[in-house]
PDB file of N, CA and C in Angstrom:
ATOM      1  N   MET A   1     -63.945   4.437 -60.516  1.00  0.00           N
ATOM      2  CA  MET A   1     -64.553   3.935 -59.300  1.00  0.00           C
ATOM      3  C   MET A   1     -64.518   5.044 -58.264  1.00  0.00           C
ATOM      4  N   HIS A   2     -65.635   5.314 -57.634  1.00  0.00           N
ATOM      5  CA  HIS A   2     -65.734   6.320 -56.575  1.00  0.00           C
ATOM      6  C   HIS A   2     -66.333   5.655 -55.335  1.00  0.00           C
ATOM      7  N   PHE A   3     -65.734   5.922 -54.184  1.00  0.00           N
ATOM      8  CA  PHE A   3     -66.296   5.408 -52.933  1.00  0.00           C
ATOM      9  C   PHE A   3     -65.790   6.233 -51.764  1.00  0.00           C
ATOM     10  N   ASN A   4     -66.489   6.084 -50.657  1.00  0.00           N
ATOM     11  CA  ASN A   4     -66.153   6.777 -49.419  1.00  0.00           C
ATOM     12  C   ASN A   4     -65.797   5.714 -48.394  1.00  0.00           C
ATOM     13  N   LEU A   5     -64.665   5.901 -47.748  1.00  0.00           N
ATOM     14  CA  LEU A   5     -64.221   4.934 -46.749  1.00  0.00           C
ATOM     15  C   LEU A   5     -63.676   5.692 -45.558  1.00  0.00           C
ATOM     16  N   PHE A   6     -64.326   5.528 -44.428  1.00  0.00           N
ATOM     17  CA  PHE A   6     -63.928   6.177 -43.181  1.00  0.00           C
ATOM     18  C   PHE A   6     -63.762   7.688 -43.325  1.00  0.00           C
ATOM     19  N   GLY A   7     -64.763   8.277 -43.971  1.00  0.00           N
ATOM     20  CA  GLY A   7     -64.808   9.728 -44.075  1.00  0.00           C
ATOM     21  C   GLY A   7     -63.931  10.325 -45.156  1.00  0.00           C
ATOM     22  N   GLN A   8     -63.270   9.499 -45.929  1.00  0.00           N
ATOM     23  CA  GLN A   8     -62.432  10.003 -47.014  1.00  0.00           C
ATOM     24  C   GLN A   8     -63.008   9.548 -48.351  1.00  0.00           C
ATOM     25  N   GLU A   9     -62.991  10.466 -49.312  1.00  0.00           N
ATOM     26  CA  GLU A   9     -63.485  10.181 -50.655  1.00  0.00           C
ATOM     27  C   GLU A   9     -62.337   9.662 -51.514  1.00  0.00           C
ATOM     28  N   PHE A  10     -62.589   8.590 -52.234  1.00  0.00           N
ATOM     29  CA  PHE A  10     -61.575   8.003 -53.107  1.00  0.00           C
ATOM     30  C   PHE A  10     -62.142   7.856 -54.508  1.00  0.00           C
ATOM     31  N   SER A  11     -61.283   8.076 -55.477  1.00  0.00           N
ATOM     32  CA  SER A  11     -61.669   7.939 -56.866  1.00  0.00           C
ATOM     33  C   SER A  11     -60.449   7.424 -57.633  1.00  0.00           C
ATOM     34  N   PHE A  12     -60.627   6.346 -58.366  1.00  0.00           N
ATOM     35  CA  PHE A  12     -59.525   5.813 -59.151  1.00  0.00           C
ATOM     36  C   PHE A  12     -60.066   4.982 -60.306  1.00  0.00           C
ATOM     37  N   TYR A  13     -59.204   4.723 -61.262  1.00  0.00           N
ATOM     38  CA  TYR A  13     -59.545   3.892 -62.407  1.00  0.00           C
ATOM     39  C   TYR A  13     -59.048   2.478 -62.141  1.00  0.00           C
ATOM     40  N   THR A  14     -59.872   1.514 -62.485  1.00  0.00           N
ATOM     41  CA  THR A  14     -59.470   0.126 -62.336  1.00  0.00           C
ATOM     42  C   THR A  14     -60.105  -0.709 -63.432  1.00  0.00           C
ATOM     43  N   THR A  15     -59.423  -1.761 -63.829  1.00  0.00           N
ATOM     44  CA  THR A  15     -59.990  -2.689 -64.800  1.00  0.00           C
ATOM     45  C   THR A  15     -60.734  -3.823 -64.100  1.00  0.00           C
ATOM     46  N   SER A  16     -60.682  -3.832 -62.773  1.00  0.00           N
ATOM     47  CA  SER A  16     -61.383  -4.865 -62.005  1.00  0.00           C
ATOM     48  C   SER A  16     -62.886  -4.622 -62.082  1.00  0.00           C
ATOM     49  N   PRO A  17     -63.662  -5.696 -62.070  1.00  0.00           N
ATOM     50  CA  PRO A  17     -65.120  -5.536 -62.075  1.00  0.00           C
ATOM     51  C   PRO A  17     -65.585  -4.784 -60.829  1.00  0.00           C
ATOM     52  N   GLU A  18     -66.631  -4.008 -60.992  1.00  0.00           N
ATOM     53  CA  GLU A  18     -67.135  -3.187 -59.889  1.00  0.00           C
ATOM     54  C   GLU A  18     -67.502  -4.028 -58.669  1.00  0.00           C
ATOM     55  N   GLU A  19     -68.105  -5.190 -58.899  1.00  0.00           N
ATOM     56  CA  GLU A  19     -68.497  -6.026 -57.749  1.00  0.00           C
ATOM     57  C   GLU A  19     -67.275  -6.540 -56.992  1.00  0.00           C
ATOM     58  N   GLU A  20     -66.164  -6.770 -57.696  1.00  0.00           N
ATOM     59  CA  GLU A  20     -64.933  -7.205 -57.037  1.00  0.00           C
ATOM     60  C   GLU A  20     -64.371  -6.081 -56.162  1.00  0.00           C
ATOM     61  N   VAL A  21     -64.388  -4.866 -56.677  1.00  0.00           N
ATOM     62  CA  VAL A  21     -63.914  -3.718 -55.907  1.00  0.00           C
ATOM     63  C   VAL A  21     -64.803  -3.514 -54.686  1.00  0.00           C
ATOM     64  N   GLU A  22     -66.103  -3.683 -54.852  1.00  0.00           N
ATOM     65  CA  GLU A  22     -67.033  -3.569 -53.714  1.00  0.00           C
ATOM     66  C   GLU A  22     -66.717  -4.617 -52.650  1.00  0.00           C
ATOM     67  N   GLN A  23     -66.373  -5.828 -53.078  1.00  0.00           N
ATOM     68  CA  GLN A  23     -66.006  -6.876 -52.120  1.00  0.00           C
ATOM     69  C   GLN A  23     -64.763  -6.474 -51.331  1.00  0.00           C
ATOM     70  N   VAL A  24     -63.789  -5.878 -52.007  1.00  0.00           N
ATOM     71  CA  VAL A  24     -62.561  -5.441 -51.344  1.00  0.00           C
ATOM     72  C   VAL A  24     -62.880  -4.345 -50.329  1.00  0.00           C
ATOM     73  N   ILE A  25     -63.666  -3.374 -50.730  1.00  0.00           N
ATOM     74  CA  ILE A  25     -64.045  -2.277 -49.832  1.00  0.00           C
ATOM     75  C   ILE A  25     -64.799  -2.827 -48.623  1.00  0.00           C
ATOM     76  N   ASN A  26     -65.716  -3.742 -48.868  1.00  0.00           N
ATOM     77  CA  ASN A  26     -66.473  -4.339 -47.761  1.00  0.00           C
ATOM     78  C   ASN A  26     -65.579  -5.149 -46.838  1.00  0.00           C
ATOM     79  N   LEU A  27     -64.554  -5.788 -47.411  1.00  0.00           N
ATOM     80  CA  LEU A  27     -63.599  -6.538 -46.586  1.00  0.00           C
ATOM     81  C   LEU A  27     -62.848  -5.607 -45.647  1.00  0.00           C
ATOM     82  N   VAL A  28     -62.401  -4.462 -46.167  1.00  0.00           N
ATOM     83  CA  VAL A  28     -61.700  -3.486 -45.327  1.00  0.00           C
ATOM     84  C   VAL A  28     -62.628  -2.982 -44.235  1.00  0.00           C
ATOM     85  N   ARG A  29     -63.850  -2.643 -44.606  1.00  0.00           N
ATOM     86  CA  ARG A  29     -64.821  -2.162 -43.606  1.00  0.00           C
ATOM     87  C   ARG A  29     -65.075  -3.222 -42.541  1.00  0.00           C
ATOM     88  N   ALA A  30     -65.278  -4.456 -42.965  1.00  0.00           N
ATOM     89  CA  ALA A  30     -65.555  -5.545 -42.020  1.00  0.00           C
ATOM     90  C   ALA A  30     -64.359  -5.802 -41.112  1.00  0.00           C
ATOM     91  N   GLU A  31     -63.174  -5.734 -41.668  1.00  0.00           N
ATOM     92  CA  GLU A  31     -61.958  -5.973 -40.879  1.00  0.00           C
ATOM     93  C   GLU A  31     -61.838  -4.951 -39.759  1.00  0.00           C
ATOM     94  N   LEU A  32     -62.183  -3.722 -40.039  1.00  0.00           N
ATOM     95  CA  LEU A  32     -62.035  -2.665 -39.044  1.00  0.00           C
ATOM     96  C   LEU A  32     -63.228  -2.571 -38.106  1.00  0.00           C
ATOM     97  N   ASP A  33     -64.362  -3.061 -38.534  1.00  0.00           N
ATOM     98  CA  ASP A  33     -65.543  -3.058 -37.667  1.00  0.00           C
ATOM     99  C   ASP A  33     -65.618  -4.309 -36.811  1.00  0.00           C
ATOM    100  N   GLU A  34     -64.698  -5.257 -37.041  1.00  0.00           N
ATOM    101  CA  GLU A  34     -64.695  -6.538 -36.361  1.00  0.00           C
ATOM    102  C   GLU A  34     -64.771  -6.368 -34.847  1.00  0.00           C
ATOM    103  N   GLY A  35     -65.748  -6.988 -34.254  1.00  0.00           N
ATOM    104  CA  GLY A  35     -65.886  -6.939 -32.800  1.00  0.00           C
ATOM    105  C   GLY A  35     -66.535  -5.666 -32.295  1.00  0.00           C
ATOM    106  N   GLY A  36     -66.841  -4.723 -33.184  1.00  0.00           N
ATOM    107  CA  GLY A  36     -67.495  -3.489 -32.767  1.00  0.00           C
ATOM    108  C   GLY A  36     -66.735  -2.772 -31.667  1.00  0.00           C
ATOM    109  N   GLN A  37     -65.413  -2.743 -31.758  1.00  0.00           N
ATOM    110  CA  GLN A  37     -64.591  -2.194 -30.677  1.00  0.00           C
ATOM    111  C   GLN A  37     -64.536  -0.674 -30.674  1.00  0.00           C
ATOM    112  N   GLY A  38     -65.160  -0.035 -31.636  1.00  0.00           N
ATOM    113  CA  GLY A  38     -65.157   1.425 -31.661  1.00  0.00           C
ATOM    114  C   GLY A  38     -63.816   2.017 -32.020  1.00  0.00           C
ATOM    115  N   VAL A  39     -62.974   1.241 -32.677  1.00  0.00           N
ATOM    116  CA  VAL A  39     -61.655   1.734 -33.062  1.00  0.00           C
ATOM    117  C   VAL A  39     -61.810   2.929 -33.992  1.00  0.00           C
ATOM    118  N   ARG A  40     -62.857   2.931 -34.790  1.00  0.00           N
ATOM    119  CA  ARG A  40     -63.057   3.966 -35.787  1.00  0.00           C
ATOM    120  C   ARG A  40     -63.115   5.349 -35.149  1.00  0.00           C
ATOM    121  N   THR A  41     -63.678   5.478 -33.973  1.00  0.00           N
ATOM    122  CA  THR A  41     -63.825   6.781 -33.344  1.00  0.00           C
ATOM    123  C   THR A  41     -62.546   7.268 -32.686  1.00  0.00           C
ATOM    124  N   SER A  42     -61.622   6.380 -32.389  1.00  0.00           N
ATOM    125  CA  SER A  42     -60.427   6.784 -31.655  1.00  0.00           C
ATOM    126  C   SER A  42     -59.201   7.024 -32.541  1.00  0.00           C
ATOM    127  N   LEU A  43     -59.273   6.682 -33.810  1.00  0.00           N
ATOM    128  CA  LEU A  43     -58.130   6.849 -34.706  1.00  0.00           C
ATOM    129  C   LEU A  43     -58.514   7.693 -35.920  1.00  0.00           C
ATOM    130  N   PRO A  44     -57.587   8.496 -36.431  1.00  0.00           N
ATOM    131  CA  PRO A  44     -57.857   9.227 -37.673  1.00  0.00           C
ATOM    132  C   PRO A  44     -58.068   8.243 -38.821  1.00  0.00           C
ATOM    133  N   SER A  45     -58.818   8.666 -39.830  1.00  0.00           N
ATOM    134  CA  SER A  45     -59.185   7.758 -40.916  1.00  0.00           C
ATOM    135  C   SER A  45     -57.967   7.226 -41.667  1.00  0.00           C
ATOM    136  N   ASN A  46     -56.915   8.047 -41.825  1.00  0.00           N
ATOM    137  CA  ASN A  46     -55.747   7.530 -42.550  1.00  0.00           C
ATOM    138  C   ASN A  46     -55.080   6.395 -41.771  1.00  0.00           C
ATOM    139  N   LYS A  47     -55.065   6.493 -40.456  1.00  0.00           N
ATOM    140  CA  LYS A  47     -54.497   5.411 -39.648  1.00  0.00           C
ATOM    141  C   LYS A  47     -55.417   4.191 -39.666  1.00  0.00           C
ATOM    142  N   MET A  48     -56.728   4.427 -39.721  1.00  0.00           N
ATOM    143  CA  MET A  48     -57.684   3.323 -39.808  1.00  0.00           C
ATOM    144  C   MET A  48     -57.437   2.516 -41.082  1.00  0.00           C
ATOM    145  N   LEU A  49     -57.221   3.231 -42.188  1.00  0.00           N
ATOM    146  CA  LEU A  49     -57.004   2.548 -43.456  1.00  0.00           C
ATOM    147  C   LEU A  49     -55.707   1.752 -43.445  1.00  0.00           C
ATOM    148  N   VAL A  50     -54.656   2.316 -42.874  1.00  0.00           N
ATOM    149  CA  VAL A  50     -53.388   1.592 -42.767  1.00  0.00           C
ATOM    150  C   VAL A  50     -53.559   0.376 -41.861  1.00  0.00           C
ATOM    151  N   LEU A  51     -54.251   0.549 -40.751  1.00  0.00           N
ATOM    152  CA  LEU A  51     -54.512  -0.570 -39.839  1.00  0.00           C
ATOM    153  C   LEU A  51     -55.270  -1.678 -40.560  1.00  0.00           C
ATOM    154  N   GLY A  52     -56.279  -1.285 -41.335  1.00  0.00           N
ATOM    155  CA  GLY A  52     -57.037  -2.278 -42.094  1.00  0.00           C
ATOM    156  C   GLY A  52     -56.155  -3.041 -43.059  1.00  0.00           C
ATOM    157  N   CYS A  53     -55.287  -2.328 -43.774  1.00  0.00           N
ATOM    158  CA  CYS A  53     -54.369  -2.980 -44.713  1.00  0.00           C
ATOM    159  C   CYS A  53     -53.426  -3.936 -43.990  1.00  0.00           C
ATOM    160  N   LEU A  54     -52.915  -3.512 -42.855  1.00  0.00           N
ATOM    161  CA  LEU A  54     -51.993  -4.361 -42.095  1.00  0.00           C
ATOM    162  C   LEU A  54     -52.682  -5.621 -41.578  1.00  0.00           C
ATOM    163  N   LYS A  55     -53.922  -5.476 -41.104  1.00  0.00           N
ATOM    164  CA  LYS A  55     -54.658  -6.639 -40.608  1.00  0.00           C
ATOM    165  C   LYS A  55     -54.932  -7.627 -41.737  1.00  0.00           C
ATOM    166  N   ILE A  56     -55.309  -7.104 -42.894  1.00  0.00           N
ATOM    167  CA  ILE A  56     -55.585  -7.971 -44.032  1.00  0.00           C
ATOM    168  C   ILE A  56     -54.287  -8.627 -44.517  1.00  0.00           C
ATOM    169  N   ALA A  57     -53.198  -7.878 -44.547  1.00  0.00           N
ATOM    170  CA  ALA A  57     -51.903  -8.438 -44.949  1.00  0.00           C
ATOM    171  C   ALA A  57     -51.481  -9.547 -43.984  1.00  0.00           C
ATOM    172  N   ALA A  58     -51.723  -9.354 -42.699  1.00  0.00           N
ATOM    173  CA  ALA A  58     -51.379 -10.381 -41.705  1.00  0.00           C
ATOM    174  C   ALA A  58     -52.181 -11.653 -41.959  1.00  0.00           C
ATOM    175  N   ARG A  59     -53.444 -11.479 -42.318  1.00  0.00           N
ATOM    176  CA  ARG A  59     -54.267 -12.650 -42.638  1.00  0.00           C
ATOM    177  C   ARG A  59     -53.748 -13.353 -43.884  1.00  0.00           C
ATOM    178  N   CYS A  60     -53.313 -12.584 -44.875  1.00  0.00           N
ATOM    179  CA  CYS A  60     -52.756 -13.178 -46.104  1.00  0.00           C
ATOM    180  C   CYS A  60     -51.504 -13.983 -45.795  1.00  0.00           C
ATOM    181  N   VAL A  61     -50.631 -13.439 -44.955  1.00  0.00           N
ATOM    182  CA  VAL A  61     -49.407 -14.151 -44.568  1.00  0.00           C
ATOM    183  C   VAL A  61     -49.767 -15.462 -43.870  1.00  0.00           C
ATOM    184  N   GLN A  62     -50.739 -15.412 -42.963  1.00  0.00           N
ATOM    185  CA  GLN A  62     -51.154 -16.626 -42.260  1.00  0.00           C
ATOM    186  C   GLN A  62     -51.754 -17.640 -43.226  1.00  0.00           C
ATOM    187  N   LEU A  63     -52.566 -17.170 -44.171  1.00  0.00           N
ATOM    188  CA  LEU A  63     -53.146 -18.078 -45.159  1.00  0.00           C
ATOM    189  C   LEU A  63     -52.069 -18.720 -46.030  1.00  0.00           C
ATOM    190  N   GLU A  64     -51.043 -17.964 -46.377  1.00  0.00           N
ATOM    191  CA  GLU A  64     -49.935 -18.529 -47.158  1.00  0.00           C
ATOM    192  C   GLU A  64     -49.222 -19.619 -46.369  1.00  0.00           C
ATOM    193  N   LYS A  65     -49.000 -19.372 -45.080  1.00  0.00           N
ATOM    194  CA  LYS A  65     -48.364 -20.388 -44.229  1.00  0.00           C
ATOM    195  C   LYS A  65     -49.241 -21.631 -44.147  1.00  0.00           C
ATOM    196  N   ASP A  66     -50.545 -21.422 -43.932  1.00  0.00           N
ATOM    197  CA  ASP A  66     -51.478 -22.544 -43.846  1.00  0.00           C
ATOM    198  C   ASP A  66     -51.494 -23.337 -45.150  1.00  0.00           C
ATOM    199  N   PHE A  67     -51.469 -22.624 -46.272  1.00  0.00           N
ATOM    200  CA  PHE A  67     -51.476 -23.295 -47.567  1.00  0.00           C
ATOM    201  C   PHE A  67     -50.196 -24.089 -47.780  1.00  0.00           C
ATOM    202  N   ASP A  68     -49.059 -23.524 -47.403  1.00  0.00           N
ATOM    203  CA  ASP A  68     -47.783 -24.238 -47.532  1.00  0.00           C
ATOM    204  C   ASP A  68     -47.795 -25.523 -46.704  1.00  0.00           C
ATOM    205  N   THR A  69     -48.334 -25.444 -45.495  1.00  0.00           N
ATOM    206  CA  THR A  69     -48.444 -26.624 -44.634  1.00  0.00           C
ATOM    207  C   THR A  69     -49.360 -27.660 -45.279  1.00  0.00           C
ATOM    208  N   PHE A  70     -50.501 -27.210 -45.774  1.00  0.00           N
ATOM    209  CA  PHE A  70     -51.443 -28.099 -46.452  1.00  0.00           C
ATOM    210  C   PHE A  70     -50.782 -28.771 -47.645  1.00  0.00           C
ATOM    211  N   ARG A  71     -50.081 -27.980 -48.437  1.00  0.00           N
ATOM    212  CA  ARG A  71     -49.441 -28.514 -49.645  1.00  0.00           C
ATOM    213  C   ARG A  71     -48.378 -29.555 -49.287  1.00  0.00           C
ATOM    214  N   SER A  72     -47.613 -29.292 -48.246  1.00  0.00           N
ATOM    215  CA  SER A  72     -46.593 -30.264 -47.815  1.00  0.00           C
ATOM    216  C   SER A  72     -47.241 -31.580 -47.392  1.00  0.00           C
ATOM    217  N   LYS A  73     -48.322 -31.482 -46.639  1.00  0.00           N
ATOM    218  CA  LYS A  73     -49.024 -32.696 -46.198  1.00  0.00           C
ATOM    219  C   LYS A  73     -49.592 -33.453 -47.394  1.00  0.00           C
ATOM    220  N   GLN A  74     -50.123 -32.715 -48.362  1.00  0.00           N
ATOM    221  CA  GLN A  74     -50.657 -33.366 -49.555  1.00  0.00           C
ATOM    222  C   GLN A  74     -49.542 -34.052 -50.339  1.00  0.00           C
ATOM    223  N   ASP A  75     -48.402 -33.385 -50.457  1.00  0.00           N
ATOM    224  CA  ASP A  75     -47.266 -33.983 -51.158  1.00  0.00           C
ATOM    225  C   ASP A  75     -46.822 -35.268 -50.471  1.00  0.00           C
ATOM    226  N   GLU A  76     -46.776 -35.256 -49.147  1.00  0.00           N
ATOM    227  CA  GLU A  76     -46.394 -36.454 -48.394  1.00  0.00           C
ATOM    228  C   GLU A  76     -47.400 -37.578 -48.625  1.00  0.00           C
ATOM    229  N   SER A  77     -48.677 -37.237 -48.588  1.00  0.00           N
ATOM    230  CA  SER A  77     -49.717 -38.247 -48.811  1.00  0.00           C
ATOM    231  C   SER A  77     -49.630 -38.840 -50.205  1.00  0.00           C
ATOM    232  N   ILE A  78     -49.388 -38.001 -51.187  1.00  0.00           N
ATOM    233  CA  ILE A  78     -49.266 -38.474 -52.569  1.00  0.00           C
ATOM    234  C   ILE A  78     -48.041 -39.374 -52.708  1.00  0.00           C
ATOM    235  N   ASP A  79     -46.932 -38.986 -52.088  1.00  0.00           N
ATOM    236  CA  ASP A  79     -45.718 -39.815 -52.142  1.00  0.00           C
ATOM    237  C   ASP A  79     -45.972 -41.183 -51.516  1.00  0.00           C
ATOM    238  N   LYS A  80     -46.660 -41.213 -50.373  1.00  0.00           N
ATOM    239  CA  LYS A  80     -46.974 -42.487 -49.713  1.00  0.00           C
ATOM    240  C   LYS A  80     -47.855 -43.348 -50.607  1.00  0.00           C
ATOM    241  N   LEU A  81     -48.837 -42.726 -51.229  1.00  0.00           N
ATOM    242  CA  LEU A  81     -49.741 -43.454 -52.106  1.00  0.00           C
ATOM    243  C   LEU A  81     -48.989 -44.024 -53.320  1.00  0.00           C
ATOM    244  N   ILE A  82     -48.109 -43.215 -53.896  1.00  0.00           N
ATOM    245  CA  ILE A  82     -47.298 -43.685 -55.035  1.00  0.00           C
ATOM    246  C   ILE A  82     -46.419 -44.860 -54.620  1.00  0.00           C
ATOM    247  N   ASN A  83     -45.830 -44.781 -53.431  1.00  0.00           N
ATOM    248  CA  ASN A  83     -44.991 -45.879 -52.927  1.00  0.00           C
ATOM    249  C   ASN A  83     -45.815 -47.149 -52.730  1.00  0.00           C
ATOM    250  N   LYS A  84     -47.019 -47.017 -52.199  1.00  0.00           N
ATOM    251  CA  LYS A  84     -47.887 -48.190 -52.006  1.00  0.00           C
ATOM    252  C   LYS A  84     -48.245 -48.827 -53.320  1.00  0.00           C
ATOM    253  N   VAL A  85     -48.617 -47.993 -54.281  1.00  0.00           N
ATOM    254  CA  VAL A  85     -48.990 -48.515 -55.602  1.00  0.00           C
ATOM    255  C   VAL A  85     -47.787 -49.164 -56.270  1.00  0.00           C
ATOM    256  N   SER A  86     -46.625 -48.497 -56.176  1.00  0.00           N
ATOM    257  CA  SER A  86     -45.403 -49.045 -56.793  1.00  0.00           C
ATOM    258  C   SER A  86     -45.015 -50.378 -56.181  1.00  0.00           C
ATOM    259  N   SER A  87     -45.105 -50.506 -54.865  1.00  0.00           N
ATOM    260  CA  SER A  87     -44.714 -51.759 -54.236  1.00  0.00           C
ATOM    261  C   SER A  87     -45.734 -52.866 -54.506  1.00  0.00           C
ATOM    262  N   GLY A  88     -46.967 -52.509 -54.790  1.00  0.00           N
ATOM    263  CA  GLY A  88     -47.964 -53.512 -55.145  1.00  0.00           C
ATOM    264  C   GLY A  88     -47.789 -54.020 -56.552  1.00  0.00           C
ATOM    265  N   ILE A  89     -47.161 -53.231 -57.415  1.00  0.00           N
ATOM    266  CA  ILE A  89     -46.943 -53.620 -58.804  1.00  0.00           C
ATOM    267  C   ILE A  89     -45.765 -54.572 -58.927  1.00  0.00           C
ATOM    268  N   ASP A  90     -44.754 -54.376 -58.089  1.00  0.00           N
ATOM    269  CA  ASP A  90     -43.528 -55.220 -58.173  1.00  0.00           C
ATOM    270  C   ASP A  90     -43.788 -56.608 -57.775  1.00  0.00           C
TER     271      ASP A  90
END
């Protein structure tokens, strides 16, 4: 896989499908272009890439928290439903 990101050339081997890698690259680009704040011109490309990774990692952490909250609520709902069904059977 070969690509250019923020003025740096990258080349690596991956077993991931090319379209998946393109999605990842586009995600990094979109994350850093978000809001058109011109951050790209004020930071060196290596710092831009680290910033992009950190922003994406922060989103992943938030999504994990959101998922845990969702899962807990679903577990509670399922428990309530099981209790209702059980008490209707007795």
